[in-house]
Amino acid sequence: MPVSIFNGAHLHIAINHAPIIGAIFSLLLVLGGRWRGSDAVVRAGLVAFVVTGLSAIPTYLTGDPAEHLVAGLPEVVRQRIHEHEDWALYFSIVLGLTSVLALWLLWRHRADRAVPRGGTTLVLVLGLVASGLGTWAGLLGGQVHHEEARPGFVPPPRPPRPARPPSDAS
């Protein structure tokens, strides 16, 4: 029987950074656009939020198949999986709201010279919350299978370096 080299856990790991990094990137674009007074950059940030929000959908949906693949591993604690899953849901909801607001602002002000500051302020607040939630959900996700990401981890002592052979100094 052929062995699958790509499964639900691989897919989840491959795409799970997109919404987290995308939220931070989108937030920085909108913030930078506001700071520089560039409506074009603000709009680019809003578009980035819409794309980032869409990227959260497959990321969240691949979490369950990934859970089923790793839940039986001896070092995996199911409670860590469920904490990660809960925070990922909070992140997805806030990011989704941010993305819908960004899309609405883009559509509503498509003919205007600038997106109103009140709308972008709300996007910035939601985007900041989403970025924090995503970062926390990602950290918890890393703790599911990565011991080094868990609180209280103490790295093992480094093995001694092998002695170098003497060089010929002729």
N, C-alpha and C. Protein backbone atom coordinates (compact mmCIF):
# COMPACT_ATOMS: atom_id res chain seq x y z
N MET A 1 0.85 -1.17 0.00
CA MET A 1 0.00 0.00 0.00
C MET A 1 0.90 1.24 0.00
N PRO A 2 0.62 2.22 -0.89
CA PRO A 2 1.46 3.43 -0.95
C PRO A 2 1.30 4.27 0.31
N VAL A 3 2.37 4.88 0.72
CA VAL A 3 2.38 5.74 1.90
C VAL A 3 2.19 7.18 1.45
N SER A 4 1.24 7.87 2.09
CA SER A 4 1.00 9.27 1.76
C SER A 4 2.08 10.12 2.42
N ILE A 5 2.69 10.98 1.64
CA ILE A 5 3.72 11.85 2.21
C ILE A 5 3.16 13.23 2.52
N PHE A 6 1.89 13.45 2.20
CA PHE A 6 1.26 14.74 2.48
C PHE A 6 -0.11 14.47 3.06
N ASN A 7 -0.36 14.94 4.27
CA ASN A 7 -1.64 14.69 4.92
C ASN A 7 -2.20 15.99 5.50
N GLY A 8 -3.31 15.86 6.24
CA GLY A 8 -3.96 17.04 6.80
C GLY A 8 -3.08 17.83 7.74
N ALA A 9 -2.24 17.14 8.50
CA ALA A 9 -1.34 17.85 9.41
C ALA A 9 -0.30 18.64 8.63
N HIS A 10 0.21 18.05 7.55
CA HIS A 10 1.18 18.77 6.72
C HIS A 10 0.55 20.04 6.13
N LEU A 11 -0.67 19.89 5.63
CA LEU A 11 -1.33 21.04 5.03
C LEU A 11 -1.56 22.14 6.07
N HIS A 12 -2.01 21.76 7.25
CA HIS A 12 -2.23 22.75 8.31
C HIS A 12 -0.93 23.47 8.66
N ILE A 13 0.13 22.71 8.81
CA ILE A 13 1.43 23.31 9.14
C ILE A 13 1.93 24.21 8.00
N ALA A 14 1.65 23.81 6.77
CA ALA A 14 2.13 24.58 5.62
C ALA A 14 1.44 25.94 5.50
N ILE A 15 0.18 26.02 5.90
CA ILE A 15 -0.58 27.26 5.67
C ILE A 15 -0.88 28.05 6.93
N ASN A 16 -0.59 27.51 8.12
CA ASN A 16 -1.06 28.17 9.35
C ASN A 16 -0.39 29.51 9.65
N HIS A 17 0.73 29.80 9.04
CA HIS A 17 1.38 31.08 9.31
C HIS A 17 0.80 32.22 8.48
N ALA A 18 0.12 31.89 7.39
CA ALA A 18 -0.40 32.93 6.49
C ALA A 18 -1.35 33.91 7.20
N PRO A 19 -2.37 33.44 7.92
CA PRO A 19 -3.24 34.44 8.54
C PRO A 19 -2.58 35.20 9.68
N ILE A 20 -1.66 34.58 10.39
CA ILE A 20 -1.00 35.27 11.50
C ILE A 20 -0.10 36.38 10.97
N ILE A 21 0.78 36.00 10.07
CA ILE A 21 1.70 36.99 9.49
C ILE A 21 0.94 38.00 8.64
N GLY A 22 -0.09 37.51 7.93
CA GLY A 22 -0.90 38.40 7.10
C GLY A 22 -1.61 39.46 7.91
N ALA A 23 -2.12 39.09 9.09
CA ALA A 23 -2.81 40.07 9.94
C ALA A 23 -1.84 41.15 10.40
N ILE A 24 -0.65 40.74 10.80
CA ILE A 24 0.35 41.72 11.24
C ILE A 24 0.78 42.61 10.07
N PHE A 25 1.02 42.01 8.92
CA PHE A 25 1.41 42.76 7.72
C PHE A 25 0.31 43.75 7.32
N SER A 26 -0.94 43.29 7.31
CA SER A 26 -2.07 44.15 6.94
C SER A 26 -2.20 45.32 7.91
N LEU A 27 -2.06 45.01 9.19
CA LEU A 27 -2.13 46.04 10.23
C LEU A 27 -1.05 47.10 9.99
N LEU A 28 0.16 46.65 9.71
CA LEU A 28 1.26 47.59 9.48
C LEU A 28 1.03 48.42 8.22
N LEU A 29 0.44 47.82 7.19
CA LEU A 29 0.15 48.58 5.97
C LEU A 29 -0.86 49.69 6.24
N VAL A 30 -1.96 49.35 6.92
CA VAL A 30 -2.97 50.36 7.21
C VAL A 30 -2.38 51.45 8.11
N LEU A 31 -1.64 51.03 9.13
CA LEU A 31 -1.01 51.99 10.03
C LEU A 31 -0.02 52.88 9.28
N GLY A 32 0.80 52.28 8.45
CA GLY A 32 1.77 53.06 7.65
C GLY A 32 1.09 54.01 6.70
N GLY A 33 0.00 53.56 6.10
CA GLY A 33 -0.75 54.43 5.19
C GLY A 33 -1.35 55.62 5.92
N ARG A 34 -1.86 55.36 7.12
CA ARG A 34 -2.41 56.46 7.92
C ARG A 34 -1.30 57.42 8.34
N TRP A 35 -0.18 56.89 8.76
CA TRP A 35 0.94 57.72 9.24
C TRP A 35 1.49 58.59 8.11
N ARG A 36 1.61 58.01 6.90
CA ARG A 36 2.15 58.75 5.76
C ARG A 36 1.09 59.57 5.03
N GLY A 37 -0.18 59.38 5.40
CA GLY A 37 -1.24 60.09 4.71
C GLY A 37 -1.48 59.57 3.31
N SER A 38 -1.23 58.30 3.09
CA SER A 38 -1.37 57.71 1.76
C SER A 38 -2.60 56.81 1.71
N ASP A 39 -3.63 57.28 1.02
CA ASP A 39 -4.85 56.48 0.89
C ASP A 39 -4.57 55.20 0.10
N ALA A 40 -3.65 55.26 -0.85
CA ALA A 40 -3.33 54.07 -1.64
C ALA A 40 -2.76 52.96 -0.75
N VAL A 41 -1.92 53.32 0.21
CA VAL A 41 -1.35 52.33 1.12
C VAL A 41 -2.41 51.82 2.08
N VAL A 42 -3.28 52.72 2.55
CA VAL A 42 -4.39 52.29 3.41
C VAL A 42 -5.25 51.28 2.67
N ARG A 43 -5.58 51.58 1.43
CA ARG A 43 -6.40 50.66 0.63
C ARG A 43 -5.67 49.33 0.40
N ALA A 44 -4.38 49.38 0.19
CA ALA A 44 -3.61 48.14 0.04
C ALA A 44 -3.69 47.31 1.32
N GLY A 45 -3.62 47.98 2.47
CA GLY A 45 -3.76 47.28 3.74
C GLY A 45 -5.13 46.68 3.91
N LEU A 46 -6.17 47.38 3.46
CA LEU A 46 -7.53 46.84 3.54
C LEU A 46 -7.68 45.62 2.64
N VAL A 47 -7.12 45.69 1.44
CA VAL A 47 -7.14 44.53 0.55
C VAL A 47 -6.38 43.36 1.18
N ALA A 48 -5.25 43.67 1.81
CA ALA A 48 -4.47 42.63 2.48
C ALA A 48 -5.27 41.98 3.60
N PHE A 49 -6.06 42.77 4.33
CA PHE A 49 -6.92 42.20 5.37
C PHE A 49 -7.96 41.26 4.78
N VAL A 50 -8.53 41.62 3.64
CA VAL A 50 -9.52 40.76 2.99
C VAL A 50 -8.88 39.44 2.59
N VAL A 51 -7.72 39.49 1.96
CA VAL A 51 -7.02 38.27 1.55
C VAL A 51 -6.61 37.44 2.77
N THR A 52 -6.12 38.12 3.79
CA THR A 52 -5.71 37.43 5.02
C THR A 52 -6.90 36.74 5.68
N GLY A 53 -8.03 37.42 5.72
CA GLY A 53 -9.23 36.82 6.28
C GLY A 53 -9.63 35.56 5.52
N LEU A 54 -9.51 35.61 4.21
CA LEU A 54 -9.82 34.42 3.41
C LEU A 54 -8.83 33.28 3.70
N SER A 55 -7.58 33.63 3.97
CA SER A 55 -6.57 32.59 4.25
C SER A 55 -6.83 31.88 5.57
N ALA A 56 -7.56 32.53 6.46
CA ALA A 56 -7.87 31.91 7.75
C ALA A 56 -8.86 30.76 7.60
N ILE A 57 -9.66 30.78 6.56
CA ILE A 57 -10.68 29.73 6.40
C ILE A 57 -10.05 28.36 6.22
N PRO A 58 -9.18 28.15 5.21
CA PRO A 58 -8.58 26.81 5.08
C PRO A 58 -7.67 26.46 6.25
N THR A 59 -7.06 27.47 6.84
CA THR A 59 -6.20 27.21 8.00
C THR A 59 -7.02 26.63 9.14
N TYR A 60 -8.14 27.26 9.43
CA TYR A 60 -8.99 26.76 10.52
C TYR A 60 -9.57 25.39 10.17
N LEU A 61 -10.00 25.22 8.94
CA LEU A 61 -10.64 23.96 8.54
C LEU A 61 -9.67 22.78 8.50
N THR A 62 -8.40 23.02 8.31
CA THR A 62 -7.42 21.92 8.31
C THR A 62 -6.95 21.58 9.72
N GLY A 63 -7.36 22.35 10.71
CA GLY A 63 -6.96 22.07 12.09
C GLY A 63 -7.52 20.76 12.60
N ASP A 64 -8.77 20.46 12.30
CA ASP A 64 -9.39 19.23 12.80
C ASP A 64 -8.72 17.97 12.24
N PRO A 65 -8.48 17.91 10.92
CA PRO A 65 -7.75 16.74 10.42
C PRO A 65 -6.34 16.62 11.02
N ALA A 66 -5.70 17.75 11.26
CA ALA A 66 -4.37 17.71 11.88
C ALA A 66 -4.47 17.17 13.30
N GLU A 67 -5.51 17.58 14.02
CA GLU A 67 -5.71 17.10 15.39
C GLU A 67 -5.85 15.58 15.41
N HIS A 68 -6.63 15.05 14.50
CA HIS A 68 -6.87 13.60 14.48
C HIS A 68 -5.59 12.82 14.18
N LEU A 69 -4.68 13.43 13.45
CA LEU A 69 -3.43 12.74 13.12
C LEU A 69 -2.42 12.74 14.26
N VAL A 70 -2.40 13.80 15.06
CA VAL A 70 -1.38 13.89 16.11
C VAL A 70 -1.89 13.57 17.50
N ALA A 71 -3.20 13.47 17.67
CA ALA A 71 -3.77 13.30 19.01
C ALA A 71 -3.28 12.04 19.72
N GLY A 72 -2.91 11.02 18.99
CA GLY A 72 -2.46 9.78 19.62
C GLY A 72 -0.98 9.71 19.90
N LEU A 73 -0.23 10.72 19.50
CA LEU A 73 1.21 10.71 19.75
C LEU A 73 1.48 10.86 21.25
N PRO A 74 2.49 10.16 21.76
CA PRO A 74 2.69 10.16 23.21
C PRO A 74 3.01 11.53 23.81
N GLU A 75 3.68 12.42 23.10
CA GLU A 75 4.05 13.72 23.66
C GLU A 75 2.97 14.78 23.48
N VAL A 76 1.87 14.43 22.81
CA VAL A 76 0.81 15.40 22.54
C VAL A 76 -0.25 15.32 23.63
N VAL A 77 -0.55 16.46 24.23
CA VAL A 77 -1.57 16.56 25.26
C VAL A 77 -2.81 17.17 24.62
N ARG A 78 -3.91 16.44 24.67
CA ARG A 78 -5.15 16.90 24.02
C ARG A 78 -5.60 18.27 24.52
N GLN A 79 -5.37 18.56 25.79
CA GLN A 79 -5.76 19.86 26.35
C GLN A 79 -5.07 21.00 25.60
N ARG A 80 -3.82 20.81 25.21
CA ARG A 80 -3.10 21.84 24.44
C ARG A 80 -3.76 22.03 23.08
N ILE A 81 -4.18 20.94 22.47
CA ILE A 81 -4.85 21.04 21.17
C ILE A 81 -6.13 21.85 21.31
N HIS A 82 -6.90 21.56 22.35
CA HIS A 82 -8.18 22.25 22.51
C HIS A 82 -8.00 23.72 22.85
N GLU A 83 -6.99 24.06 23.63
CA GLU A 83 -6.71 25.48 23.90
C GLU A 83 -6.34 26.19 22.61
N HIS A 84 -5.48 25.56 21.81
CA HIS A 84 -5.08 26.13 20.52
C HIS A 84 -6.31 26.32 19.63
N GLU A 85 -7.15 25.32 19.60
CA GLU A 85 -8.35 25.36 18.76
C GLU A 85 -9.29 26.50 19.19
N ASP A 86 -9.48 26.66 20.50
CA ASP A 86 -10.35 27.74 21.00
C ASP A 86 -9.82 29.12 20.60
N TRP A 87 -8.52 29.35 20.83
CA TRP A 87 -7.94 30.65 20.51
C TRP A 87 -7.88 30.89 19.01
N ALA A 88 -7.70 29.81 18.24
CA ALA A 88 -7.73 29.95 16.78
C ALA A 88 -9.12 30.37 16.31
N LEU A 89 -10.15 29.86 16.98
CA LEU A 89 -11.51 30.26 16.64
C LEU A 89 -11.73 31.74 16.95
N TYR A 90 -11.29 32.20 18.13
CA TYR A 90 -11.42 33.62 18.48
C TYR A 90 -10.70 34.48 17.44
N PHE A 91 -9.48 34.05 17.08
CA PHE A 91 -8.69 34.77 16.08
C PHE A 91 -9.45 34.83 14.75
N SER A 92 -9.98 33.69 14.33
CA SER A 92 -10.67 33.63 13.04
C SER A 92 -11.90 34.53 13.03
N ILE A 93 -12.61 34.59 14.13
CA ILE A 93 -13.80 35.44 14.21
C ILE A 93 -13.42 36.92 14.12
N VAL A 94 -12.45 37.34 14.92
CA VAL A 94 -12.05 38.76 14.90
C VAL A 94 -11.42 39.13 13.56
N LEU A 95 -10.59 38.24 13.02
CA LEU A 95 -10.00 38.51 11.71
C LEU A 95 -11.08 38.55 10.63
N GLY A 96 -12.07 37.68 10.74
CA GLY A 96 -13.18 37.70 9.79
C GLY A 96 -13.95 39.00 9.84
N LEU A 97 -14.23 39.48 11.06
CA LEU A 97 -14.91 40.76 11.21
C LEU A 97 -14.07 41.91 10.63
N THR A 98 -12.78 41.86 10.88
CA THR A 98 -11.88 42.89 10.35
C THR A 98 -11.90 42.85 8.82
N SER A 99 -11.87 41.66 8.26
CA SER A 99 -11.86 41.51 6.80
C SER A 99 -13.16 41.99 6.17
N VAL A 100 -14.27 41.66 6.80
CA VAL A 100 -15.58 42.11 6.29
C VAL A 100 -15.66 43.64 6.35
N LEU A 101 -15.21 44.22 7.45
CA LEU A 101 -15.20 45.68 7.57
C LEU A 101 -14.30 46.30 6.50
N ALA A 102 -13.12 45.71 6.30
CA ALA A 102 -12.20 46.22 5.28
C ALA A 102 -12.83 46.15 3.89
N LEU A 103 -13.48 45.04 3.58
CA LEU A 103 -14.15 44.89 2.28
C LEU A 103 -15.26 45.92 2.14
N TRP A 104 -16.04 46.10 3.18
CA TRP A 104 -17.13 47.09 3.14
C TRP A 104 -16.58 48.49 2.93
N LEU A 105 -15.49 48.84 3.64
CA LEU A 105 -14.90 50.17 3.46
C LEU A 105 -14.40 50.36 2.03
N LEU A 106 -13.77 49.34 1.48
CA LEU A 106 -13.29 49.43 0.10
C LEU A 106 -14.45 49.63 -0.87
N TRP A 107 -15.51 48.85 -0.67
CA TRP A 107 -16.67 48.96 -1.57
C TRP A 107 -17.39 50.29 -1.39
N ARG A 108 -17.65 50.65 -0.14
CA ARG A 108 -18.42 51.85 0.16
C ARG A 108 -17.71 53.12 -0.29
N HIS A 109 -16.39 53.14 -0.22
CA HIS A 109 -15.63 54.35 -0.54
C HIS A 109 -14.79 54.16 -1.81
N ARG A 110 -15.29 53.33 -2.71
CA ARG A 110 -14.56 53.04 -3.95
C ARG A 110 -14.40 54.28 -4.82
N ALA A 111 -15.33 55.22 -4.75
CA ALA A 111 -15.24 56.42 -5.59
C ALA A 111 -14.71 57.62 -4.82
N ASP A 112 -14.57 57.48 -3.51
CA ASP A 112 -14.11 58.61 -2.70
C ASP A 112 -12.60 58.79 -2.85
N ARG A 113 -12.16 59.98 -2.51
CA ARG A 113 -10.72 60.25 -2.56
C ARG A 113 -9.97 59.53 -1.46
N ALA A 114 -10.62 59.34 -0.30
CA ALA A 114 -9.94 58.70 0.82
C ALA A 114 -10.95 57.91 1.66
N VAL A 115 -10.46 56.84 2.23
CA VAL A 115 -11.27 56.07 3.17
C VAL A 115 -11.30 56.87 4.48
N PRO A 116 -12.47 57.04 5.09
CA PRO A 116 -12.56 57.86 6.31
C PRO A 116 -11.70 57.32 7.45
N ARG A 117 -11.15 58.23 8.22
CA ARG A 117 -10.27 57.86 9.34
C ARG A 117 -11.00 57.02 10.38
N GLY A 118 -12.27 57.29 10.60
CA GLY A 118 -13.03 56.51 11.58
C GLY A 118 -13.08 55.03 11.21
N GLY A 119 -13.28 54.76 9.93
CA GLY A 119 -13.31 53.37 9.46
C GLY A 119 -11.97 52.70 9.59
N THR A 120 -10.92 53.42 9.23
CA THR A 120 -9.59 52.80 9.34
C THR A 120 -9.16 52.67 10.79
N THR A 121 -9.64 53.56 11.65
CA THR A 121 -9.33 53.41 13.08
C THR A 121 -9.94 52.13 13.62
N LEU A 122 -11.18 51.85 13.23
CA LEU A 122 -11.82 50.61 13.67
C LEU A 122 -11.09 49.39 13.11
N VAL A 123 -10.65 49.46 11.87
CA VAL A 123 -9.87 48.37 11.28
C VAL A 123 -8.57 48.18 12.06
N LEU A 124 -7.93 49.29 12.42
CA LEU A 124 -6.68 49.20 13.19
C LEU A 124 -6.90 48.54 14.55
N VAL A 125 -7.96 48.91 15.23
CA VAL A 125 -8.24 48.33 16.55
C VAL A 125 -8.53 46.84 16.40
N LEU A 126 -9.43 46.48 15.48
CA LEU A 126 -9.75 45.07 15.27
C LEU A 126 -8.53 44.30 14.78
N GLY A 127 -7.75 44.93 13.91
CA GLY A 127 -6.55 44.27 13.39
C GLY A 127 -5.51 44.04 14.47
N LEU A 128 -5.40 44.97 15.40
CA LEU A 128 -4.47 44.79 16.52
C LEU A 128 -4.93 43.64 17.41
N VAL A 129 -6.22 43.58 17.69
CA VAL A 129 -6.76 42.48 18.50
C VAL A 129 -6.55 41.16 17.75
N ALA A 130 -6.87 41.15 16.45
CA ALA A 130 -6.69 39.93 15.66
C ALA A 130 -5.23 39.49 15.65
N SER A 131 -4.32 40.43 15.50
CA SER A 131 -2.89 40.08 15.48
C SER A 131 -2.45 39.47 16.80
N GLY A 132 -2.93 40.03 17.90
CA GLY A 132 -2.60 39.47 19.21
C GLY A 132 -3.18 38.08 19.39
N LEU A 133 -4.45 37.91 19.01
CA LEU A 133 -5.09 36.59 19.13
C LEU A 133 -4.40 35.56 18.24
N GLY A 134 -4.04 35.98 17.02
CA GLY A 134 -3.36 35.06 16.11
C GLY A 134 -1.99 34.64 16.61
N THR A 135 -1.27 35.59 17.16
CA THR A 135 0.05 35.28 17.71
C THR A 135 -0.08 34.31 18.87
N TRP A 136 -1.07 34.55 19.74
CA TRP A 136 -1.28 33.65 20.88
C TRP A 136 -1.73 32.26 20.41
N ALA A 137 -2.65 32.22 19.46
CA ALA A 137 -3.11 30.92 18.93
C ALA A 137 -1.95 30.17 18.29
N GLY A 138 -1.09 30.88 17.59
CA GLY A 138 0.08 30.25 16.97
C GLY A 138 1.04 29.70 18.01
N LEU A 139 1.26 30.46 19.07
CA LEU A 139 2.13 29.99 20.14
C LEU A 139 1.57 28.72 20.76
N LEU A 140 0.27 28.72 21.04
CA LEU A 140 -0.36 27.53 21.61
C LEU A 140 -0.29 26.35 20.64
N GLY A 141 -0.43 26.63 19.36
CA GLY A 141 -0.32 25.57 18.36
C GLY A 141 1.08 24.98 18.33
N GLY A 142 2.08 25.83 18.47
CA GLY A 142 3.45 25.33 18.51
C GLY A 142 3.70 24.46 19.72
N GLN A 143 3.03 24.78 20.82
CA GLN A 143 3.22 24.01 22.04
C GLN A 143 2.60 22.61 21.96
N VAL A 144 1.71 22.40 21.01
CA VAL A 144 1.09 21.08 20.87
C VAL A 144 2.14 20.01 20.63
N HIS A 145 3.08 20.31 19.76
CA HIS A 145 4.06 19.28 19.37
C HIS A 145 5.50 19.70 19.57
N HIS A 146 5.73 20.94 19.94
CA HIS A 146 7.10 21.43 20.10
C HIS A 146 7.37 21.70 21.57
N GLU A 147 8.09 20.83 22.20
CA GLU A 147 8.41 20.96 23.62
C GLU A 147 9.13 22.26 23.91
N GLU A 148 9.97 22.69 22.98
CA GLU A 148 10.76 23.90 23.20
C GLU A 148 9.91 25.17 23.26
N ALA A 149 8.66 25.10 22.81
CA ALA A 149 7.77 26.26 22.86
C ALA A 149 6.91 26.27 24.12
N ARG A 150 7.03 25.25 24.94
CA ARG A 150 6.20 25.15 26.15
C ARG A 150 6.81 25.92 27.30
N PRO A 151 5.94 26.46 28.18
CA PRO A 151 6.46 27.18 29.35
C PRO A 151 7.31 26.25 30.21
N GLY A 152 8.39 26.78 30.75
CA GLY A 152 9.24 26.01 31.65
C GLY A 152 10.24 25.11 30.95
N PHE A 153 10.31 25.16 29.62
CA PHE A 153 11.25 24.31 28.90
C PHE A 153 12.69 24.70 29.25
N VAL A 154 13.47 23.69 29.56
CA VAL A 154 14.89 23.90 29.84
C VAL A 154 15.67 23.11 28.79
N PRO A 155 16.46 23.80 27.99
CA PRO A 155 17.19 23.07 26.95
C PRO A 155 18.20 22.12 27.59
N PRO A 156 18.41 20.98 26.95
CA PRO A 156 19.40 20.05 27.48
C PRO A 156 20.80 20.64 27.33
N PRO A 157 21.74 20.16 28.13
CA PRO A 157 23.11 20.68 27.98
C PRO A 157 23.65 20.31 26.60
N ARG A 158 24.46 21.21 26.11
CA ARG A 158 25.06 20.96 24.79
C ARG A 158 26.09 19.84 24.89
N PRO A 159 26.13 18.99 23.88
CA PRO A 159 27.16 17.96 23.91
C PRO A 159 28.53 18.60 23.70
N PRO A 160 29.56 17.99 24.24
CA PRO A 160 30.89 18.60 24.05
C PRO A 160 31.26 18.58 22.58
N ARG A 161 31.99 19.60 22.19
CA ARG A 161 32.46 19.68 20.80
C ARG A 161 33.59 18.66 20.60
N PRO A 162 33.57 18.02 19.47
CA PRO A 162 34.68 17.08 19.22
C PRO A 162 36.00 17.84 19.09
N ALA A 163 37.02 17.22 19.57
CA ALA A 163 38.34 17.85 19.49
C ALA A 163 38.78 17.93 18.05
N ARG A 164 39.40 19.06 17.72
CA ARG A 164 39.91 19.22 16.36
C ARG A 164 41.22 18.47 16.24
N PRO A 165 41.41 17.85 15.11
CA PRO A 165 42.73 17.20 14.92
C PRO A 165 43.80 18.27 14.81
N PRO A 166 44.99 17.98 15.31
CA PRO A 166 46.05 18.98 15.22
C PRO A 166 46.37 19.29 13.77
N SER A 167 46.61 20.58 13.51
CA SER A 167 46.93 20.97 12.14
C SER A 167 48.44 20.90 11.95
N ASP A 168 48.79 20.61 10.74
CA ASP A 168 50.23 20.59 10.40
C ASP A 168 50.67 22.01 10.15
N ALA A 169 51.46 22.50 11.05
CA ALA A 169 52.00 23.86 10.87
C ALA A 169 53.44 23.72 10.41
N SER A 170 53.61 23.46 9.16
CA SER A 170 54.97 23.26 8.66
C SER A 170 55.59 24.53 8.20
